[in-house]
PDB file of N, CA and C in Angstrom:
ATOM      1  N   MET A   1       0.837  -1.179   0.000  1.00  0.00           N
ATOM      2  CA  MET A   1       0.000   0.000   0.000  1.00  0.00           C
ATOM      3  C   MET A   1       0.878   1.237   0.000  1.00  0.00           C
ATOM      4  N   SER A   2       0.575   2.174  -0.863  1.00  0.00           N
ATOM      5  CA  SER A   2       1.390   3.381  -0.992  1.00  0.00           C
ATOM      6  C   SER A   2       1.042   4.370   0.118  1.00  0.00           C
ATOM      7  N   PRO A   3       1.998   5.221   0.495  1.00  0.00           N
ATOM      8  CA  PRO A   3       1.720   6.219   1.541  1.00  0.00           C
ATOM      9  C   PRO A   3       0.725   7.259   1.034  1.00  0.00           C
ATOM     10  N   PRO A   4       0.011   7.905   1.930  1.00  0.00           N
ATOM     11  CA  PRO A   4      -0.969   8.909   1.492  1.00  0.00           C
ATOM     12  C   PRO A   4      -0.276  10.098   0.826  1.00  0.00           C
ATOM     13  N   VAL A   5      -0.961  10.665  -0.140  1.00  0.00           N
ATOM     14  CA  VAL A   5      -0.435  11.805  -0.890  1.00  0.00           C
ATOM     15  C   VAL A   5      -1.270  13.024  -0.522  1.00  0.00           C
ATOM     16  N   TYR A   6      -0.594  14.094  -0.143  1.00  0.00           N
ATOM     17  CA  TYR A   6      -1.277  15.302   0.288  1.00  0.00           C
ATOM     18  C   TYR A   6      -0.997  16.458  -0.654  1.00  0.00           C
ATOM     19  N   GLY A   7      -1.969  17.348  -0.764  1.00  0.00           N
ATOM     20  CA  GLY A   7      -1.820  18.585  -1.506  1.00  0.00           C
ATOM     21  C   GLY A   7      -2.366  19.727  -0.672  1.00  0.00           C
ATOM     22  N   ARG A   8      -2.056  20.944  -1.052  1.00  0.00           N
ATOM     23  CA  ARG A   8      -2.494  22.112  -0.296  1.00  0.00           C
ATOM     24  C   ARG A   8      -3.461  22.941  -1.128  1.00  0.00           C
ATOM     25  N   ILE A   9      -4.576  23.341  -0.526  1.00  0.00           N
ATOM     26  CA  ILE A   9      -5.542  24.209  -1.190  1.00  0.00           C
ATOM     27  C   ILE A   9      -4.969  25.613  -1.189  1.00  0.00           C
ATOM     28  N   THR A  10      -4.745  26.165  -2.368  1.00  0.00           N
ATOM     29  CA  THR A  10      -4.148  27.493  -2.445  1.00  0.00           C
ATOM     30  C   THR A  10      -5.194  28.596  -2.493  1.00  0.00           C
ATOM     31  N   ASN A  11      -6.302  28.379  -3.214  1.00  0.00           N
ATOM     32  CA  ASN A  11      -7.322  29.418  -3.331  1.00  0.00           C
ATOM     33  C   ASN A  11      -8.532  28.850  -4.058  1.00  0.00           C
ATOM     34  N   TYR A  12      -9.589  29.643  -4.104  1.00  0.00           N
ATOM     35  CA  TYR A  12     -10.711  29.323  -4.972  1.00  0.00           C
ATOM     36  C   TYR A  12     -10.346  29.741  -6.394  1.00  0.00           C
ATOM     37  N   ARG A  13     -11.002  29.125  -7.378  1.00  0.00           N
ATOM     38  CA  ARG A  13     -10.828  29.594  -8.752  1.00  0.00           C
ATOM     39  C   ARG A  13     -11.638  30.865  -8.901  1.00  0.00           C
ATOM     40  N   SER A  14     -11.042  31.890  -9.492  1.00  0.00           N
ATOM     41  CA  SER A  14     -11.744  33.165  -9.588  1.00  0.00           C
ATOM     42  C   SER A  14     -11.413  33.855 -10.897  1.00  0.00           C
ATOM     43  N   GLY A  15     -12.291  34.773 -11.265  1.00  0.00           N
ATOM     44  CA  GLY A  15     -12.103  35.611 -12.435  1.00  0.00           C
ATOM     45  C   GLY A  15     -11.944  37.051 -12.001  1.00  0.00           C
ATOM     46  N   ASN A  16     -12.134  37.977 -12.941  1.00  0.00           N
ATOM     47  CA  ASN A  16     -11.981  39.389 -12.598  1.00  0.00           C
ATOM     48  C   ASN A  16     -13.051  39.869 -11.630  1.00  0.00           C
ATOM     49  N   SER A  17     -14.268  39.388 -11.789  1.00  0.00           N
ATOM     50  CA  SER A  17     -15.344  39.869 -10.924  1.00  0.00           C
ATOM     51  C   SER A  17     -16.147  38.738 -10.293  1.00  0.00           C
ATOM     52  N   THR A  18     -15.703  37.505 -10.412  1.00  0.00           N
ATOM     53  CA  THR A  18     -16.433  36.375  -9.851  1.00  0.00           C
ATOM     54  C   THR A  18     -15.495  35.457  -9.083  1.00  0.00           C
ATOM     55  N   GLN A  19     -16.096  34.676  -8.200  1.00  0.00           N
ATOM     56  CA  GLN A  19     -15.351  33.675  -7.452  1.00  0.00           C
ATOM     57  C   GLN A  19     -16.179  32.401  -7.453  1.00  0.00           C
ATOM     58  N   TYR A  20     -15.533  31.272  -7.667  1.00  0.00           N
ATOM     59  CA  TYR A  20     -16.220  29.994  -7.760  1.00  0.00           C
ATOM     60  C   TYR A  20     -15.900  29.153  -6.523  1.00  0.00           C
ATOM     61  N   PRO A  21     -16.768  29.159  -5.503  1.00  0.00           N
ATOM     62  CA  PRO A  21     -16.452  28.408  -4.282  1.00  0.00           C
ATOM     63  C   PRO A  21     -16.541  26.896  -4.466  1.00  0.00           C
ATOM     64  N   HIS A  22     -17.123  26.434  -5.567  1.00  0.00           N
ATOM     65  CA  HIS A  22     -17.188  24.998  -5.829  1.00  0.00           C
ATOM     66  C   HIS A  22     -15.906  24.471  -6.467  1.00  0.00           C
ATOM     67  N   GLU A  23     -15.040  25.373  -6.909  1.00  0.00           N
ATOM     68  CA  GLU A  23     -13.797  24.955  -7.557  1.00  0.00           C
ATOM     69  C   GLU A  23     -12.617  25.529  -6.790  1.00  0.00           C
ATOM     70  N   CYS A  24     -11.689  24.659  -6.418  1.00  0.00           N
ATOM     71  CA  CYS A  24     -10.502  25.073  -5.679  1.00  0.00           C
ATOM     72  C   CYS A  24      -9.255  24.752  -6.481  1.00  0.00           C
ATOM     73  N   LEU A  25      -8.200  25.486  -6.199  1.00  0.00           N
ATOM     74  CA  LEU A  25      -6.897  25.256  -6.817  1.00  0.00           C
ATOM     75  C   LEU A  25      -6.017  24.550  -5.795  1.00  0.00           C
ATOM     76  N   ILE A  26      -5.451  23.423  -6.207  1.00  0.00           N
ATOM     77  CA  ILE A  26      -4.663  22.600  -5.294  1.00  0.00           C
ATOM     78  C   ILE A  26      -3.285  22.365  -5.894  1.00  0.00           C
ATOM     79  N   GLN A  27      -2.267  22.493  -5.038  1.00  0.00           N
ATOM     80  CA  GLN A  27      -0.891  22.277  -5.472  1.00  0.00           C
ATOM     81  C   GLN A  27      -0.333  21.067  -4.728  1.00  0.00           C
ATOM     82  N   PHE A  28       0.183  20.114  -5.497  1.00  0.00           N
ATOM     83  CA  PHE A  28       0.816  18.925  -4.930  1.00  0.00           C
ATOM     84  C   PHE A  28       2.316  19.126  -4.971  1.00  0.00           C
ATOM     85  N   ASN A  29       3.013  18.712  -3.927  1.00  0.00           N
ATOM     86  CA  ASN A  29       4.447  18.944  -3.824  1.00  0.00           C
ATOM     87  C   ASN A  29       5.278  17.718  -4.148  1.00  0.00           C
ATOM     88  N   HIS A  30       4.663  16.567  -4.344  1.00  0.00           N
ATOM     89  CA  HIS A  30       5.415  15.363  -4.658  1.00  0.00           C
ATOM     90  C   HIS A  30       5.992  15.474  -6.067  1.00  0.00           C
ATOM     91  N   GLU A  31       7.257  15.162  -6.219  1.00  0.00           N
ATOM     92  CA  GLU A  31       7.911  15.266  -7.525  1.00  0.00           C
ATOM     93  C   GLU A  31       7.314  14.283  -8.529  1.00  0.00           C
ATOM     94  N   ASP A  32       6.905  13.116  -8.061  1.00  0.00           N
ATOM     95  CA  ASP A  32       6.293  12.141  -8.957  1.00  0.00           C
ATOM     96  C   ASP A  32       4.983  12.664  -9.525  1.00  0.00           C
ATOM     97  N   LEU A  33       4.203  13.337  -8.701  1.00  0.00           N
ATOM     98  CA  LEU A  33       2.902  13.835  -9.147  1.00  0.00           C
ATOM     99  C   LEU A  33       3.033  15.041 -10.067  1.00  0.00           C
ATOM    100  N   VAL A  34       4.040  15.872  -9.827  1.00  0.00           N
ATOM    101  CA  VAL A  34       4.222  17.050 -10.674  1.00  0.00           C
ATOM    102  C   VAL A  34       4.534  16.629 -12.101  1.00  0.00           C
ATOM    103  N   SER A  35       5.335  15.581 -12.261  1.00  0.00           N
ATOM    104  CA  SER A  35       5.711  15.152 -13.607  1.00  0.00           C
ATOM    105  C   SER A  35       4.568  14.438 -14.324  1.00  0.00           C
ATOM    106  N   ARG A  36       3.682  13.799 -13.586  1.00  0.00           N
ATOM    107  CA  ARG A  36       2.576  13.088 -14.226  1.00  0.00           C
ATOM    108  C   ARG A  36       1.222  13.656 -13.808  1.00  0.00           C
ATOM    109  N   ALA A  37       1.141  14.972 -13.727  1.00  0.00           N
ATOM    110  CA  ALA A  37      -0.083  15.637 -13.282  1.00  0.00           C
ATOM    111  C   ALA A  37      -1.239  15.394 -14.239  1.00  0.00           C
ATOM    112  N   GLY A  38      -0.969  15.194 -15.515  1.00  0.00           N
ATOM    113  CA  GLY A  38      -2.027  14.928 -16.476  1.00  0.00           C
ATOM    114  C   GLY A  38      -2.759  13.624 -16.220  1.00  0.00           C
ATOM    115  N   GLU A  39      -2.077  12.664 -15.610  1.00  0.00           N
ATOM    116  CA  GLU A  39      -2.706  11.387 -15.302  1.00  0.00           C
ATOM    117  C   GLU A  39      -3.638  11.478 -14.098  1.00  0.00           C
ATOM    118  N   LEU A  40      -3.538  12.547 -13.328  1.00  0.00           N
ATOM    119  CA  LEU A  40      -4.360  12.698 -12.123  1.00  0.00           C
ATOM    120  C   LEU A  40      -5.757  13.221 -12.417  1.00  0.00           C
ATOM    121  N   ILE A  41      -6.004  13.693 -13.626  1.00  0.00           N
ATOM    122  CA  ILE A  41      -7.317  14.244 -13.952  1.00  0.00           C
ATOM    123  C   ILE A  41      -8.350  13.121 -13.843  1.00  0.00           C
ATOM    124  N   GLY A  42      -9.388  13.365 -13.076  1.00  0.00           N
ATOM    125  CA  GLY A  42     -10.423  12.376 -12.826  1.00  0.00           C
ATOM    126  C   GLY A  42     -10.284  11.682 -11.476  1.00  0.00           C
ATOM    127  N   GLN A  43      -9.143  11.853 -10.798  1.00  0.00           N
ATOM    128  CA  GLN A  43      -8.948  11.252  -9.479  1.00  0.00           C
ATOM    129  C   GLN A  43      -9.731  12.034  -8.427  1.00  0.00           C
ATOM    130  N   LYS A  44      -9.994  11.401  -7.303  1.00  0.00           N
ATOM    131  CA  LYS A  44     -10.770  12.036  -6.242  1.00  0.00           C
ATOM    132  C   LYS A  44      -9.861  12.601  -5.165  1.00  0.00           C
ATOM    133  N   VAL A  45     -10.356  13.676  -4.534  1.00  0.00           N
ATOM    134  CA  VAL A  45      -9.643  14.385  -3.487  1.00  0.00           C
ATOM    135  C   VAL A  45     -10.567  14.447  -2.275  1.00  0.00           C
ATOM    136  N   PHE A  46      -9.997  14.319  -1.077  1.00  0.00           N
ATOM    137  CA  PHE A  46     -10.776  14.253   0.155  1.00  0.00           C
ATOM    138  C   PHE A  46     -10.318  15.342   1.108  1.00  0.00           C
ATOM    139  N   TRP A  47     -11.274  16.151   1.621  1.00  0.00           N
ATOM    140  CA  TRP A  47     -10.990  17.161   2.641  1.00  0.00           C
ATOM    141  C   TRP A  47     -11.969  16.978   3.774  1.00  0.00           C
ATOM    142  N   LYS A  48     -11.492  17.008   5.002  1.00  0.00           N
ATOM    143  CA  LYS A  48     -12.352  16.771   6.153  1.00  0.00           C
ATOM    144  C   LYS A  48     -12.201  17.895   7.155  1.00  0.00           C
ATOM    145  N   SER A  49     -13.352  18.403   7.618  1.00  0.00           N
ATOM    146  CA  SER A  49     -13.359  19.359   8.718  1.00  0.00           C
ATOM    147  C   SER A  49     -13.828  18.620   9.965  1.00  0.00           C
ATOM    148  N   LYS A  50     -14.139  19.346  11.010  1.00  0.00           N
ATOM    149  CA  LYS A  50     -14.588  18.698  12.242  1.00  0.00           C
ATOM    150  C   LYS A  50     -15.926  17.997  12.056  1.00  0.00           C
ATOM    151  N   ASN A  51     -16.837  18.616  11.298  1.00  0.00           N
ATOM    152  CA  ASN A  51     -18.197  18.090  11.190  1.00  0.00           C
ATOM    153  C   ASN A  51     -18.532  17.479   9.843  1.00  0.00           C
ATOM    154  N   LYS A  52     -17.854  17.886   8.786  1.00  0.00           N
ATOM    155  CA  LYS A  52     -18.238  17.464   7.443  1.00  0.00           C
ATOM    156  C   LYS A  52     -17.049  16.914   6.679  1.00  0.00           C
ATOM    157  N   GLU A  53     -17.377  16.147   5.639  1.00  0.00           N
ATOM    158  CA  GLU A  53     -16.371  15.628   4.719  1.00  0.00           C
ATOM    159  C   GLU A  53     -16.737  16.073   3.315  1.00  0.00           C
ATOM    160  N   PHE A  54     -15.748  16.493   2.559  1.00  0.00           N
ATOM    161  CA  PHE A  54     -15.961  16.936   1.191  1.00  0.00           C
ATOM    162  C   PHE A  54     -15.103  16.092   0.265  1.00  0.00           C
ATOM    163  N   ILE A  55     -15.728  15.595  -0.808  1.00  0.00           N
ATOM    164  CA  ILE A  55     -14.999  14.825  -1.807  1.00  0.00           C
ATOM    165  C   ILE A  55     -15.147  15.549  -3.133  1.00  0.00           C
ATOM    166  N   GLY A  56     -14.023  15.793  -3.788  1.00  0.00           N
ATOM    167  CA  GLY A  56     -14.024  16.479  -5.070  1.00  0.00           C
ATOM    168  C   GLY A  56     -13.303  15.659  -6.116  1.00  0.00           C
ATOM    169  N   LYS A  57     -13.361  16.154  -7.338  1.00  0.00           N
ATOM    170  CA  LYS A  57     -12.737  15.462  -8.462  1.00  0.00           C
ATOM    171  C   LYS A  57     -11.826  16.434  -9.197  1.00  0.00           C
ATOM    172  N   ILE A  58     -10.628  15.986  -9.537  1.00  0.00           N
ATOM    173  CA  ILE A  58      -9.680  16.819 -10.270  1.00  0.00           C
ATOM    174  C   ILE A  58     -10.201  16.993 -11.687  1.00  0.00           C
ATOM    175  N   SER A  59     -10.361  18.259 -12.109  1.00  0.00           N
ATOM    176  CA  SER A  59     -10.986  18.519 -13.407  1.00  0.00           C
ATOM    177  C   SER A  59     -10.015  19.025 -14.464  1.00  0.00           C
ATOM    178  N   GLY A  60      -8.849  19.498 -14.094  1.00  0.00           N
ATOM    179  CA  GLY A  60      -7.919  19.962 -15.111  1.00  0.00           C
ATOM    180  C   GLY A  60      -6.790  20.779 -14.521  1.00  0.00           C
ATOM    181  N   PHE A  61      -6.000  21.361 -15.417  1.00  0.00           N
ATOM    182  CA  PHE A  61      -4.865  22.194 -15.026  1.00  0.00           C
ATOM    183  C   PHE A  61      -5.305  23.622 -14.786  1.00  0.00           C
ATOM    184  N   HIS A  62      -4.492  24.344 -14.037  1.00  0.00           N
ATOM    185  CA  HIS A  62      -4.668  25.782 -13.886  1.00  0.00           C
ATOM    186  C   HIS A  62      -3.312  26.413 -14.157  1.00  0.00           C
ATOM    187  N   GLY A  63      -3.116  26.875 -15.355  1.00  0.00           N
ATOM    188  CA  GLY A  63      -1.846  27.475 -15.727  1.00  0.00           C
ATOM    189  C   GLY A  63      -0.763  26.427 -15.949  1.00  0.00           C
ATOM    190  N   LYS A  64       0.481  26.877 -15.837  1.00  0.00           N
ATOM    191  CA  LYS A  64       1.618  25.993 -16.087  1.00  0.00           C
ATOM    192  C   LYS A  64       2.452  25.756 -14.835  1.00  0.00           C
ATOM    193  N   ASN A  65       1.922  26.078 -13.673  1.00  0.00           N
ATOM    194  CA  ASN A  65       2.682  25.940 -12.438  1.00  0.00           C
ATOM    195  C   ASN A  65       2.332  24.682 -11.665  1.00  0.00           C
ATOM    196  N   ASP A  66       1.853  23.653 -12.332  1.00  0.00           N
ATOM    197  CA  ASP A  66       1.510  22.373 -11.711  1.00  0.00           C
ATOM    198  C   ASP A  66       0.442  22.526 -10.632  1.00  0.00           C
ATOM    199  N   ILE A  67      -0.473  23.443 -10.838  1.00  0.00           N
ATOM    200  CA  ILE A  67      -1.622  23.605  -9.958  1.00  0.00           C
ATOM    201  C   ILE A  67      -2.825  23.013 -10.680  1.00  0.00           C
ATOM    202  N   LEU A  68      -3.628  22.234  -9.949  1.00  0.00           N
ATOM    203  CA  LEU A  68      -4.768  21.545 -10.537  1.00  0.00           C
ATOM    204  C   LEU A  68      -6.072  22.123 -10.011  1.00  0.00           C
ATOM    205  N   LYS A  69      -7.115  22.113 -10.858  1.00  0.00           N
ATOM    206  CA  LYS A  69      -8.451  22.542 -10.460  1.00  0.00           C
ATOM    207  C   LYS A  69      -9.206  21.330  -9.946  1.00  0.00           C
ATOM    208  N   VAL A  70      -9.926  21.517  -8.838  1.00  0.00           N
ATOM    209  CA  VAL A  70     -10.737  20.449  -8.253  1.00  0.00           C
ATOM    210  C   VAL A  70     -12.148  20.976  -8.069  1.00  0.00           C
ATOM    211  N   LYS A  71     -13.146  20.216  -8.545  1.00  0.00           N
ATOM    212  CA  LYS A  71     -14.548  20.588  -8.391  1.00  0.00           C
ATOM    213  C   LYS A  71     -15.159  19.795  -7.243  1.00  0.00           C
ATOM    214  N   PHE A  72     -15.865  20.506  -6.376  1.00  0.00           N
ATOM    215  CA  PHE A  72     -16.596  19.898  -5.278  1.00  0.00           C
ATOM    216  C   PHE A  72     -18.081  20.100  -5.521  1.00  0.00           C
ATOM    217  N   LYS A  73     -18.922  19.166  -5.043  1.00  0.00           N
ATOM    218  CA  LYS A  73     -20.372  19.323  -5.202  1.00  0.00           C
ATOM    219  C   LYS A  73     -20.885  20.470  -4.351  1.00  0.00           C
ATOM    220  N   LYS A  74     -20.399  20.572  -3.123  1.00  0.00           N
ATOM    221  CA  LYS A  74     -20.727  21.690  -2.252  1.00  0.00           C
ATOM    222  C   LYS A  74     -19.481  22.538  -2.108  1.00  0.00           C
ATOM    223  N   GLY A  75     -19.660  23.823  -1.972  1.00  0.00           N
ATOM    224  CA  GLY A  75     -18.515  24.711  -1.843  1.00  0.00           C
ATOM    225  C   GLY A  75     -17.801  24.526  -0.518  1.00  0.00           C
ATOM    226  N   LEU A  76     -16.486  24.653  -0.549  1.00  0.00           N
ATOM    227  CA  LEU A  76     -15.692  24.539   0.665  1.00  0.00           C
ATOM    228  C   LEU A  76     -15.774  25.832   1.461  1.00  0.00           C
ATOM    229  N   PRO A  77     -15.698  25.753   2.782  1.00  0.00           N
ATOM    230  CA  PRO A  77     -15.680  26.974   3.582  1.00  0.00           C
ATOM    231  C   PRO A  77     -14.340  27.689   3.438  1.00  0.00           C
ATOM    232  N   GLY A  78     -14.302  28.930   3.833  1.00  0.00           N
ATOM    233  CA  GLY A  78     -13.080  29.722   3.723  1.00  0.00           C
ATOM    234  C   GLY A  78     -11.943  29.200   4.572  1.00  0.00           C
ATOM    235  N   GLN A  79     -12.255  28.477   5.644  1.00  0.00           N
ATOM    236  CA  GLN A  79     -11.217  27.922   6.506  1.00  0.00           C
ATOM    237  C   GLN A  79     -10.413  26.839   5.809  1.00  0.00           C
ATOM    238  N   ALA A  80     -10.896  26.343   4.677  1.00  0.00           N
ATOM    239  CA  ALA A  80     -10.198  25.272   3.968  1.00  0.00           C
ATOM    240  C   ALA A  80      -8.964  25.774   3.234  1.00  0.00           C
ATOM    241  N   ILE A  81      -8.904  27.057   2.946  1.00  0.00           N
ATOM    242  CA  ILE A  81      -7.754  27.599   2.190  1.00  0.00           C
ATOM    243  C   ILE A  81      -6.505  27.496   3.048  1.00  0.00           C
ATOM    244  N   GLY A  82      -5.484  26.878   2.491  1.00  0.00           N
ATOM    245  CA  GLY A  82      -4.211  26.693   3.182  1.00  0.00           C
ATOM    246  C   GLY A  82      -4.105  25.367   3.901  1.00  0.00           C
ATOM    247  N   THR A  83      -5.167  24.572   3.912  1.00  0.00           N
ATOM    248  CA  THR A  83      -5.129  23.283   4.608  1.00  0.00           C
ATOM    249  C   THR A  83      -4.787  22.166   3.622  1.00  0.00           C
ATOM    250  N   LEU A  84      -4.582  20.978   4.136  1.00  0.00           N
ATOM    251  CA  LEU A  84      -4.184  19.840   3.327  1.00  0.00           C
ATOM    252  C   LEU A  84      -5.396  19.032   2.889  1.00  0.00           C
ATOM    253  N   VAL A  85      -5.297  18.466   1.692  1.00  0.00           N
ATOM    254  CA  VAL A  85      -6.275  17.522   1.181  1.00  0.00           C
ATOM    255  C   VAL A  85      -5.546  16.216   0.892  1.00  0.00           C
ATOM    256  N   ASN A  86      -6.305  15.140   0.896  1.00  0.00           N
ATOM    257  CA  ASN A  86      -5.741  13.809   0.657  1.00  0.00           C
ATOM    258  C   ASN A  86      -6.164  13.346  -0.734  1.00  0.00           C
ATOM    259  N   LEU A  87      -5.221  12.900  -1.531  1.00  0.00           N
ATOM    260  CA  LEU A  87      -5.507  12.360  -2.846  1.00  0.00           C
ATOM    261  C   LEU A  87      -5.839  10.893  -2.709  1.00  0.00           C
ATOM    262  N   ILE A  88      -7.005  10.483  -3.242  1.00  0.00           N
ATOM    263  CA  ILE A  88      -7.427   9.099  -3.178  1.00  0.00           C
ATOM    264  C   ILE A  88      -6.977   8.409  -4.461  1.00  0.00           C
ATOM    265  N   LEU A  89      -6.023   7.504  -4.341  1.00  0.00           N
ATOM    266  CA  LEU A  89      -5.498   6.800  -5.520  1.00  0.00           C
ATOM    267  C   LEU A  89      -6.184   5.495  -5.725  1.00  0.00           C
TER     268      LEU A  89
END
């Protein structure tokens, strides 16, 4: 069994005048994942607070800095920014 893989929520996806709380930007620091980030599209991501659990799906790239977009069914609270998420392989 492989060790758990963690990523950090950097921010919500946003435009000039809008913010999308259902979509978050996540950066993974593992060198293996950075090189094969395209293979991660469609994988699930897990974030847990004290009372609730949120599961999202990696939907694509965000720019060229190895940051990935993740869509959640329910929007994440603001306290989630800067915390760790677990990649479900």
